[in-house]
Amino acid sequence: MTAIGLGSCIALMLHDPKRSIGACAHIMLPESGGKCDRPGKYADTAVPLLVEELIALGGVKRSFVAKIVGGASMFSNFQGKLNIGERNIEAVRAHLQTHGIPITAEDIGGTVGRTLQYNPLNGGTISVKRADGSCSEL
């Protein structure tokens, strides 16, 4: 799975390492405000959606782990409520905690965008390429 051009957005990967299955959402905003049309777009609806999808594939929730990438502050003038990257990170963390899912790896924050490749069949590995040219493996 690939997520391209993550700026303030968060790529959330839920992974069940015992079953080598996973799911990914490209989260753009922290709260849906009651919108139901694109649940993967919002932290408050994406987390339960991915949990449901993995369980439907045979996953066991107590085995799930999360990895998150993104949440950059793309505009240095935006602070506080306007810093969508920071708000996305906080919202994703809070919703994962509510579901009892630990975060085992993250590449978040900063001021550069990212692109990633996630391979659930290879232990849930994630390759991250940053807009500044640096790369890492999670």
N, C-alpha and C. Protein backbone atom coordinates (compact mmCIF):
# COMPACT_ATOMS: atom_id res chain seq x y z
N MET A 1 0.84 -1.16 0.00
CA MET A 1 0.00 0.00 0.00
C MET A 1 0.89 1.23 0.00
N THR A 2 0.44 2.26 -0.68
CA THR A 2 1.22 3.49 -0.80
C THR A 2 0.38 4.69 -0.41
N ALA A 3 0.98 5.62 0.30
CA ALA A 3 0.37 6.92 0.58
C ALA A 3 1.33 7.97 0.04
N ILE A 4 0.86 8.79 -0.87
CA ILE A 4 1.70 9.76 -1.56
C ILE A 4 1.34 11.17 -1.09
N GLY A 5 2.35 11.98 -0.89
CA GLY A 5 2.16 13.40 -0.63
C GLY A 5 1.52 13.72 0.71
N LEU A 6 1.96 13.05 1.76
CA LEU A 6 1.46 13.38 3.09
C LEU A 6 2.11 14.67 3.56
N GLY A 7 1.31 15.68 3.79
CA GLY A 7 1.80 16.91 4.41
C GLY A 7 1.30 16.91 5.83
N SER A 8 0.21 17.65 6.07
CA SER A 8 -0.40 17.64 7.40
C SER A 8 -1.25 16.39 7.62
N CYS A 9 -1.50 15.64 6.57
CA CYS A 9 -2.27 14.40 6.67
C CYS A 9 -1.47 13.33 7.42
N ILE A 10 -2.20 12.34 7.92
CA ILE A 10 -1.60 11.20 8.62
C ILE A 10 -1.92 9.94 7.84
N ALA A 11 -0.92 9.12 7.59
CA ALA A 11 -1.18 7.77 7.12
C ALA A 11 -1.19 6.90 8.37
N LEU A 12 -2.30 6.23 8.60
CA LEU A 12 -2.45 5.32 9.72
C LEU A 12 -2.47 3.91 9.19
N MET A 13 -1.53 3.10 9.63
CA MET A 13 -1.50 1.69 9.29
C MET A 13 -1.84 0.90 10.55
N LEU A 14 -2.90 0.09 10.47
CA LEU A 14 -3.18 -0.88 11.52
C LEU A 14 -2.72 -2.22 11.01
N HIS A 15 -2.01 -2.93 11.88
CA HIS A 15 -1.37 -4.18 11.46
C HIS A 15 -1.63 -5.26 12.50
N ASP A 16 -1.93 -6.45 12.02
CA ASP A 16 -2.03 -7.62 12.88
C ASP A 16 -0.84 -8.52 12.53
N PRO A 17 0.24 -8.43 13.30
CA PRO A 17 1.46 -9.17 12.95
C PRO A 17 1.31 -10.68 13.01
N LYS A 18 0.39 -11.19 13.80
CA LYS A 18 0.21 -12.64 13.89
C LYS A 18 -0.45 -13.21 12.65
N ARG A 19 -1.18 -12.37 11.93
CA ARG A 19 -1.90 -12.83 10.74
C ARG A 19 -1.38 -12.19 9.45
N SER A 20 -0.39 -11.32 9.55
CA SER A 20 0.21 -10.62 8.40
C SER A 20 -0.83 -9.92 7.55
N ILE A 21 -1.76 -9.23 8.23
CA ILE A 21 -2.76 -8.44 7.52
C ILE A 21 -2.70 -7.01 8.04
N GLY A 22 -3.14 -6.10 7.21
CA GLY A 22 -3.12 -4.70 7.61
C GLY A 22 -4.09 -3.88 6.81
N ALA A 23 -4.27 -2.65 7.27
CA ALA A 23 -5.14 -1.70 6.59
C ALA A 23 -4.52 -0.32 6.76
N CYS A 24 -4.83 0.56 5.82
CA CYS A 24 -4.23 1.89 5.83
C CYS A 24 -5.30 2.94 5.52
N ALA A 25 -5.21 4.07 6.21
CA ALA A 25 -6.09 5.21 5.92
C ALA A 25 -5.24 6.46 5.75
N HIS A 26 -5.64 7.31 4.83
CA HIS A 26 -5.01 8.62 4.60
C HIS A 26 -5.92 9.65 5.26
N ILE A 27 -5.58 10.02 6.49
CA ILE A 27 -6.43 10.89 7.31
C ILE A 27 -6.07 12.34 7.04
N MET A 28 -7.08 13.11 6.64
CA MET A 28 -6.86 14.50 6.28
C MET A 28 -7.22 15.49 7.39
N LEU A 29 -8.19 15.12 8.23
CA LEU A 29 -8.68 16.02 9.27
C LEU A 29 -8.97 15.26 10.56
N PRO A 30 -8.89 15.94 11.71
CA PRO A 30 -9.07 15.24 12.99
C PRO A 30 -10.51 14.79 13.27
N GLU A 31 -11.49 15.54 12.85
CA GLU A 31 -12.88 15.24 13.19
C GLU A 31 -13.78 15.31 11.96
N SER A 32 -14.75 14.39 11.92
CA SER A 32 -15.67 14.30 10.79
C SER A 32 -16.82 15.30 10.89
N GLY A 33 -17.12 15.77 12.08
CA GLY A 33 -18.26 16.67 12.25
C GLY A 33 -19.57 16.02 11.85
N GLY A 34 -19.65 14.70 11.97
CA GLY A 34 -20.87 13.97 11.63
C GLY A 34 -20.97 13.54 10.18
N LYS A 35 -19.99 13.90 9.36
CA LYS A 35 -20.01 13.48 7.95
C LYS A 35 -19.73 11.98 7.86
N CYS A 36 -20.44 11.31 6.97
CA CYS A 36 -20.31 9.85 6.84
C CYS A 36 -19.82 9.41 5.47
N ASP A 37 -19.63 10.36 4.53
CA ASP A 37 -19.36 10.00 3.14
C ASP A 37 -17.97 9.38 2.92
N ARG A 38 -16.95 9.81 3.66
CA ARG A 38 -15.59 9.30 3.46
C ARG A 38 -14.95 9.05 4.83
N PRO A 39 -15.29 7.95 5.49
CA PRO A 39 -14.84 7.74 6.87
C PRO A 39 -13.32 7.63 7.02
N GLY A 40 -12.60 7.24 6.00
CA GLY A 40 -11.15 7.15 6.08
C GLY A 40 -10.46 8.50 6.09
N LYS A 41 -11.20 9.54 5.84
CA LYS A 41 -10.65 10.89 5.74
C LYS A 41 -10.46 11.57 7.10
N TYR A 42 -11.14 11.07 8.13
CA TYR A 42 -11.16 11.71 9.44
C TYR A 42 -10.66 10.75 10.53
N ALA A 43 -9.91 11.28 11.49
CA ALA A 43 -9.36 10.43 12.56
C ALA A 43 -10.47 9.74 13.35
N ASP A 44 -11.54 10.45 13.67
CA ASP A 44 -12.58 9.87 14.52
C ASP A 44 -13.36 8.76 13.84
N THR A 45 -13.37 8.70 12.52
CA THR A 45 -14.09 7.63 11.82
C THR A 45 -13.13 6.62 11.19
N ALA A 46 -11.90 7.02 10.90
CA ALA A 46 -10.95 6.10 10.26
C ALA A 46 -10.50 4.99 11.21
N VAL A 47 -10.24 5.32 12.46
CA VAL A 47 -9.76 4.30 13.39
C VAL A 47 -10.79 3.17 13.55
N PRO A 48 -12.06 3.47 13.89
CA PRO A 48 -13.01 2.35 13.99
C PRO A 48 -13.24 1.62 12.67
N LEU A 49 -13.16 2.33 11.55
CA LEU A 49 -13.31 1.69 10.25
C LEU A 49 -12.21 0.66 10.01
N LEU A 50 -10.96 1.03 10.27
CA LEU A 50 -9.86 0.09 10.06
C LEU A 50 -9.95 -1.09 11.02
N VAL A 51 -10.35 -0.84 12.25
CA VAL A 51 -10.53 -1.94 13.22
C VAL A 51 -11.57 -2.92 12.68
N GLU A 52 -12.71 -2.41 12.24
CA GLU A 52 -13.77 -3.27 11.69
C GLU A 52 -13.28 -4.05 10.48
N GLU A 53 -12.55 -3.39 9.58
CA GLU A 53 -12.08 -4.07 8.37
C GLU A 53 -11.10 -5.19 8.70
N LEU A 54 -10.19 -4.95 9.64
CA LEU A 54 -9.23 -6.00 10.00
C LEU A 54 -9.92 -7.17 10.69
N ILE A 55 -10.89 -6.89 11.54
CA ILE A 55 -11.64 -7.97 12.19
C ILE A 55 -12.39 -8.77 11.14
N ALA A 56 -12.97 -8.11 10.15
CA ALA A 56 -13.68 -8.80 9.07
C ALA A 56 -12.74 -9.71 8.27
N LEU A 57 -11.45 -9.34 8.23
CA LEU A 57 -10.46 -10.17 7.52
C LEU A 57 -9.89 -11.29 8.39
N GLY A 58 -10.37 -11.39 9.62
CA GLY A 58 -9.89 -12.44 10.52
C GLY A 58 -8.90 -11.95 11.57
N GLY A 59 -8.69 -10.65 11.63
CA GLY A 59 -7.77 -10.10 12.63
C GLY A 59 -8.36 -10.17 14.03
N VAL A 60 -7.46 -10.16 15.00
CA VAL A 60 -7.85 -10.17 16.41
C VAL A 60 -7.37 -8.86 17.03
N LYS A 61 -8.33 -8.07 17.54
CA LYS A 61 -8.03 -6.71 17.97
C LYS A 61 -6.89 -6.63 18.98
N ARG A 62 -6.80 -7.58 19.91
CA ARG A 62 -5.74 -7.50 20.91
C ARG A 62 -4.35 -7.67 20.31
N SER A 63 -4.27 -8.12 19.06
CA SER A 63 -2.98 -8.26 18.37
C SER A 63 -2.62 -7.03 17.55
N PHE A 64 -3.55 -6.11 17.36
CA PHE A 64 -3.33 -4.98 16.48
C PHE A 64 -2.28 -4.02 17.03
N VAL A 65 -1.47 -3.51 16.12
CA VAL A 65 -0.54 -2.43 16.43
C VAL A 65 -0.73 -1.35 15.37
N ALA A 66 -0.34 -0.13 15.71
CA ALA A 66 -0.49 0.98 14.78
C ALA A 66 0.86 1.59 14.47
N LYS A 67 0.97 2.08 13.26
CA LYS A 67 2.12 2.88 12.82
C LYS A 67 1.55 4.12 12.17
N ILE A 68 2.14 5.29 12.48
CA ILE A 68 1.63 6.53 11.92
C ILE A 68 2.76 7.34 11.28
N VAL A 69 2.41 7.96 10.16
CA VAL A 69 3.38 8.77 9.40
C VAL A 69 2.67 10.03 8.95
N GLY A 70 3.37 11.16 9.02
CA GLY A 70 2.83 12.42 8.52
C GLY A 70 2.64 13.44 9.62
N GLY A 71 1.65 14.29 9.45
CA GLY A 71 1.34 15.30 10.45
C GLY A 71 2.31 16.46 10.48
N ALA A 72 2.86 16.79 9.33
CA ALA A 72 3.82 17.90 9.27
C ALA A 72 3.10 19.24 9.41
N SER A 73 3.84 20.22 9.88
CA SER A 73 3.36 21.60 9.90
C SER A 73 3.85 22.24 8.62
N MET A 74 2.99 22.30 7.64
CA MET A 74 3.39 22.72 6.30
C MET A 74 3.47 24.24 6.14
N PHE A 75 2.85 24.96 7.07
CA PHE A 75 2.85 26.42 6.97
C PHE A 75 3.28 26.98 8.31
N SER A 76 4.48 27.55 8.38
CA SER A 76 5.05 27.99 9.65
C SER A 76 4.23 29.08 10.33
N ASN A 77 3.41 29.80 9.60
CA ASN A 77 2.59 30.86 10.20
C ASN A 77 1.38 30.32 10.95
N PHE A 78 1.02 29.05 10.70
CA PHE A 78 -0.17 28.48 11.34
C PHE A 78 0.23 27.82 12.65
N GLN A 79 -0.34 28.29 13.73
CA GLN A 79 -0.08 27.73 15.05
C GLN A 79 -1.42 27.38 15.69
N GLY A 80 -1.35 26.62 16.76
CA GLY A 80 -2.55 26.30 17.52
C GLY A 80 -3.57 25.55 16.71
N LYS A 81 -4.81 26.04 16.71
CA LYS A 81 -5.92 25.36 16.06
C LYS A 81 -5.72 25.24 14.55
N LEU A 82 -4.96 26.14 13.95
CA LEU A 82 -4.74 26.09 12.51
C LEU A 82 -3.64 25.11 12.10
N ASN A 83 -2.89 24.58 13.06
CA ASN A 83 -1.86 23.60 12.75
C ASN A 83 -2.52 22.23 12.62
N ILE A 84 -3.00 21.94 11.42
CA ILE A 84 -3.76 20.71 11.17
C ILE A 84 -2.90 19.47 11.42
N GLY A 85 -1.62 19.50 11.07
CA GLY A 85 -0.76 18.35 11.29
C GLY A 85 -0.72 17.95 12.76
N GLU A 86 -0.51 18.92 13.63
CA GLU A 86 -0.47 18.65 15.07
C GLU A 86 -1.81 18.14 15.58
N ARG A 87 -2.89 18.74 15.10
CA ARG A 87 -4.23 18.29 15.51
C ARG A 87 -4.52 16.88 15.02
N ASN A 88 -4.06 16.55 13.81
CA ASN A 88 -4.25 15.19 13.29
C ASN A 88 -3.50 14.17 14.14
N ILE A 89 -2.26 14.49 14.51
CA ILE A 89 -1.47 13.58 15.35
C ILE A 89 -2.18 13.34 16.67
N GLU A 90 -2.60 14.41 17.33
CA GLU A 90 -3.28 14.28 18.63
C GLU A 90 -4.56 13.46 18.51
N ALA A 91 -5.35 13.69 17.47
CA ALA A 91 -6.61 12.98 17.30
C ALA A 91 -6.38 11.50 17.03
N VAL A 92 -5.43 11.17 16.16
CA VAL A 92 -5.15 9.77 15.86
C VAL A 92 -4.68 9.05 17.13
N ARG A 93 -3.77 9.67 17.87
CA ARG A 93 -3.29 9.06 19.12
C ARG A 93 -4.45 8.81 20.09
N ALA A 94 -5.31 9.80 20.25
CA ALA A 94 -6.43 9.67 21.19
C ALA A 94 -7.38 8.54 20.79
N HIS A 95 -7.69 8.43 19.50
CA HIS A 95 -8.62 7.39 19.05
C HIS A 95 -7.99 6.01 19.13
N LEU A 96 -6.70 5.91 18.88
CA LEU A 96 -6.02 4.61 19.05
C LEU A 96 -6.02 4.21 20.52
N GLN A 97 -5.77 5.17 21.40
CA GLN A 97 -5.78 4.88 22.84
C GLN A 97 -7.16 4.40 23.28
N THR A 98 -8.21 5.04 22.78
CA THR A 98 -9.57 4.63 23.12
C THR A 98 -9.82 3.18 22.73
N HIS A 99 -9.23 2.75 21.63
CA HIS A 99 -9.40 1.37 21.15
C HIS A 99 -8.36 0.41 21.73
N GLY A 100 -7.45 0.93 22.55
CA GLY A 100 -6.45 0.07 23.18
C GLY A 100 -5.40 -0.44 22.21
N ILE A 101 -5.11 0.34 21.17
CA ILE A 101 -4.15 -0.10 20.15
C ILE A 101 -2.86 0.70 20.32
N PRO A 102 -1.75 0.01 20.59
CA PRO A 102 -0.48 0.73 20.78
C PRO A 102 0.13 1.19 19.47
N ILE A 103 0.83 2.31 19.54
CA ILE A 103 1.61 2.79 18.39
C ILE A 103 3.01 2.23 18.56
N THR A 104 3.44 1.44 17.57
CA THR A 104 4.76 0.80 17.66
C THR A 104 5.82 1.51 16.84
N ALA A 105 5.41 2.39 15.94
CA ALA A 105 6.38 3.14 15.13
C ALA A 105 5.70 4.40 14.61
N GLU A 106 6.50 5.45 14.49
CA GLU A 106 5.96 6.69 13.94
C GLU A 106 7.07 7.51 13.32
N ASP A 107 6.68 8.27 12.32
CA ASP A 107 7.53 9.28 11.68
C ASP A 107 6.60 10.46 11.46
N ILE A 108 6.54 11.35 12.44
CA ILE A 108 5.52 12.40 12.45
C ILE A 108 6.12 13.77 12.72
N GLY A 109 5.31 14.79 12.43
CA GLY A 109 5.67 16.17 12.73
C GLY A 109 6.68 16.73 11.74
N GLY A 110 7.42 17.73 12.19
CA GLY A 110 8.39 18.38 11.33
C GLY A 110 7.72 19.31 10.34
N THR A 111 8.47 19.63 9.28
CA THR A 111 7.96 20.59 8.30
C THR A 111 8.06 20.09 6.86
N VAL A 112 8.33 18.79 6.66
CA VAL A 112 8.44 18.27 5.30
C VAL A 112 7.40 17.18 5.06
N GLY A 113 6.94 17.11 3.82
CA GLY A 113 5.99 16.09 3.43
C GLY A 113 6.66 14.73 3.30
N ARG A 114 5.84 13.70 3.19
CA ARG A 114 6.34 12.33 3.13
C ARG A 114 5.51 11.50 2.16
N THR A 115 6.13 10.45 1.66
CA THR A 115 5.47 9.41 0.89
C THR A 115 5.90 8.09 1.50
N LEU A 116 5.00 7.11 1.53
CA LEU A 116 5.38 5.84 2.15
C LEU A 116 4.85 4.65 1.38
N GLN A 117 5.51 3.53 1.63
CA GLN A 117 5.05 2.23 1.15
C GLN A 117 4.96 1.31 2.35
N TYR A 118 3.82 0.65 2.47
CA TYR A 118 3.53 -0.24 3.60
C TYR A 118 3.33 -1.65 3.06
N ASN A 119 4.03 -2.61 3.67
CA ASN A 119 3.94 -3.99 3.23
C ASN A 119 3.47 -4.87 4.39
N PRO A 120 2.17 -5.15 4.48
CA PRO A 120 1.67 -5.97 5.58
C PRO A 120 2.16 -7.41 5.56
N LEU A 121 2.52 -7.92 4.39
CA LEU A 121 3.00 -9.30 4.30
C LEU A 121 4.45 -9.47 4.72
N ASN A 122 5.18 -8.36 4.81
CA ASN A 122 6.59 -8.41 5.19
C ASN A 122 6.76 -7.81 6.59
N GLY A 123 5.99 -8.32 7.54
CA GLY A 123 6.10 -7.86 8.92
C GLY A 123 5.57 -6.47 9.16
N GLY A 124 4.83 -5.91 8.22
CA GLY A 124 4.28 -4.58 8.39
C GLY A 124 5.31 -3.48 8.19
N THR A 125 6.35 -3.77 7.43
CA THR A 125 7.40 -2.77 7.22
C THR A 125 6.88 -1.57 6.44
N ILE A 126 7.46 -0.42 6.75
CA ILE A 126 7.09 0.83 6.08
C ILE A 126 8.36 1.53 5.65
N SER A 127 8.41 1.90 4.38
CA SER A 127 9.50 2.72 3.85
C SER A 127 8.99 4.13 3.68
N VAL A 128 9.69 5.09 4.29
CA VAL A 128 9.28 6.49 4.26
C VAL A 128 10.31 7.29 3.47
N LYS A 129 9.83 8.08 2.51
CA LYS A 129 10.67 9.02 1.78
C LYS A 129 10.17 10.42 2.10
N ARG A 130 11.07 11.28 2.56
CA ARG A 130 10.70 12.65 2.91
C ARG A 130 11.03 13.59 1.77
N ALA A 131 10.32 14.69 1.72
CA ALA A 131 10.51 15.69 0.67
C ALA A 131 11.90 16.31 0.71
N ASP A 132 12.60 16.21 1.85
CA ASP A 132 13.96 16.74 1.93
C ASP A 132 15.00 15.75 1.41
N GLY A 133 14.54 14.58 0.91
CA GLY A 133 15.44 13.58 0.34
C GLY A 133 15.84 12.48 1.29
N SER A 134 15.56 12.60 2.56
CA SER A 134 15.93 11.55 3.51
C SER A 134 14.92 10.41 3.48
N CYS A 135 15.37 9.24 3.90
CA CYS A 135 14.53 8.03 3.89
C CYS A 135 14.71 7.30 5.21
N SER A 136 13.71 6.50 5.57
CA SER A 136 13.82 5.67 6.75
C SER A 136 12.90 4.45 6.60
N GLU A 137 13.12 3.48 7.46
CA GLU A 137 12.32 2.27 7.53
C GLU A 137 11.70 2.21 8.92
N LEU A 138 10.42 1.87 8.97
CA LEU A 138 9.72 1.69 10.24
C LEU A 138 9.30 0.24 10.39
